[in-house]
Amino acid sequence: NLQIIGLQFSAQTSSARTQESLEAKLKVKRKNLLGAPQGKTVVVFVDDLNMPAVEQFGAQPPIELLRQMLGMGGFYDRKQLFWKDVKDV
């Protein structure tokens, strides 16, 4: 039972846009928990992963957001600054 989320990166892709896309496609289970619908697992397919522009410090913010989501299990809410866990992805 897989649900596929497709993201297409370009040179103009921002981390905010990437986070908005992920949040829109994941189910809100609690205020601070996002995840797959009941009984499913989400697979995120990223097309052109290395396309986002490199910033002045050498990082690619959309890729760093994905790394944070996978490595730390979530990301911060951009408006209210609280941690959102991401499960079953």
Protein backbone atom coordinates (compact mmCIF):
# COMPACT_ATOMS: atom_id res chain seq x y z
CA ASN A 1 0.00 0.00 0.00
CA LEU A 2 2.08 2.87 -1.29
CA GLN A 3 1.13 6.46 -1.96
CA ILE A 4 3.56 8.28 -4.26
CA ILE A 5 4.34 11.98 -3.94
CA GLY A 6 6.16 13.40 -6.95
CA LEU A 7 8.28 16.55 -6.65
CA GLN A 8 9.98 18.24 -9.58
CA PHE A 9 12.96 20.39 -8.71
CA SER A 10 14.25 23.22 -10.87
CA ALA A 11 16.85 25.93 -10.37
CA GLN A 12 14.12 28.16 -8.87
CA THR A 13 12.81 25.57 -6.38
CA SER A 14 12.87 26.90 -2.82
CA SER A 15 12.78 25.01 0.46
CA ALA A 16 9.54 26.82 1.35
CA ARG A 17 7.86 25.58 -1.84
CA THR A 18 9.17 22.06 -1.22
CA GLN A 19 7.82 22.07 2.34
CA GLU A 20 4.44 23.44 1.20
CA SER A 21 4.16 20.67 -1.41
CA LEU A 22 4.99 17.97 1.13
CA GLU A 23 2.62 19.34 3.76
CA ALA A 24 -0.20 19.62 1.24
CA LYS A 25 0.13 15.97 0.23
CA LEU A 26 0.67 14.45 3.68
CA LYS A 27 -2.22 13.83 6.05
CA VAL A 28 -2.36 15.89 9.25
CA LYS A 29 -2.71 13.37 12.08
CA ARG A 30 -2.18 15.87 14.92
CA LYS A 31 -1.07 19.49 15.05
CA ASN A 32 2.56 18.39 15.16
CA LEU A 33 2.36 15.09 13.22
CA LEU A 34 2.14 14.57 9.47
CA GLY A 35 2.11 11.24 7.72
CA ALA A 36 0.60 8.77 5.33
CA PRO A 37 -3.09 7.87 5.42
CA GLN A 38 -4.03 4.96 7.67
CA GLY A 39 -2.42 1.70 6.51
CA LYS A 40 -0.28 3.28 3.79
CA THR A 41 3.33 4.34 3.35
CA VAL A 42 4.32 7.43 1.39
CA VAL A 43 7.15 7.32 -1.15
CA VAL A 44 8.59 10.68 -2.23
CA PHE A 45 9.95 10.68 -5.79
CA VAL A 46 12.14 13.70 -6.57
CA ASP A 47 12.83 14.44 -10.22
CA ASP A 48 16.04 16.39 -10.95
CA LEU A 49 17.30 16.26 -7.36
CA ASN A 50 20.45 18.33 -8.02
CA MET A 51 18.68 21.13 -9.89
CA PRO A 52 18.06 23.68 -7.07
CA ALA A 53 20.44 26.61 -7.19
CA VAL A 54 23.40 26.59 -4.82
CA GLU A 55 23.22 29.44 -2.30
CA GLN A 56 26.14 31.63 -1.23
CA PHE A 57 27.21 29.16 1.48
CA GLY A 58 27.28 26.18 -0.89
CA ALA A 59 24.05 24.50 0.25
CA GLN A 60 20.92 23.65 -1.72
CA PRO A 61 18.06 24.47 0.71
CA PRO A 62 15.39 22.15 -0.80
CA ILE A 63 17.80 19.21 -0.55
CA GLU A 64 18.71 20.22 3.01
CA LEU A 65 14.99 20.19 3.91
CA LEU A 66 14.63 16.65 2.55
CA ARG A 67 17.78 15.59 4.41
CA GLN A 68 16.39 17.04 7.64
CA MET A 69 13.04 15.32 7.12
CA LEU A 70 14.69 11.94 6.53
CA GLY A 71 17.47 12.27 9.11
CA MET A 72 15.63 13.95 11.96
CA GLY A 73 12.10 12.78 11.20
CA GLY A 74 10.46 16.12 10.45
CA PHE A 75 10.84 19.86 10.03
CA TYR A 76 9.80 23.15 11.64
CA ASP A 77 6.53 24.94 10.93
CA ARG A 78 7.54 28.13 9.13
CA LYS A 79 4.88 30.37 10.67
CA GLN A 80 4.54 29.25 14.30
CA LEU A 81 8.05 27.76 14.67
CA PHE A 82 7.19 24.40 16.24
CA TRP A 83 8.51 20.98 15.24
CA LYS A 84 6.40 18.77 12.95
CA ASP A 85 7.14 15.06 12.98
CA VAL A 86 6.76 13.17 9.70
CA LYS A 87 5.93 9.46 9.93
CA ASP A 88 5.51 6.62 7.40
CA VAL A 89 7.51 8.33 4.65
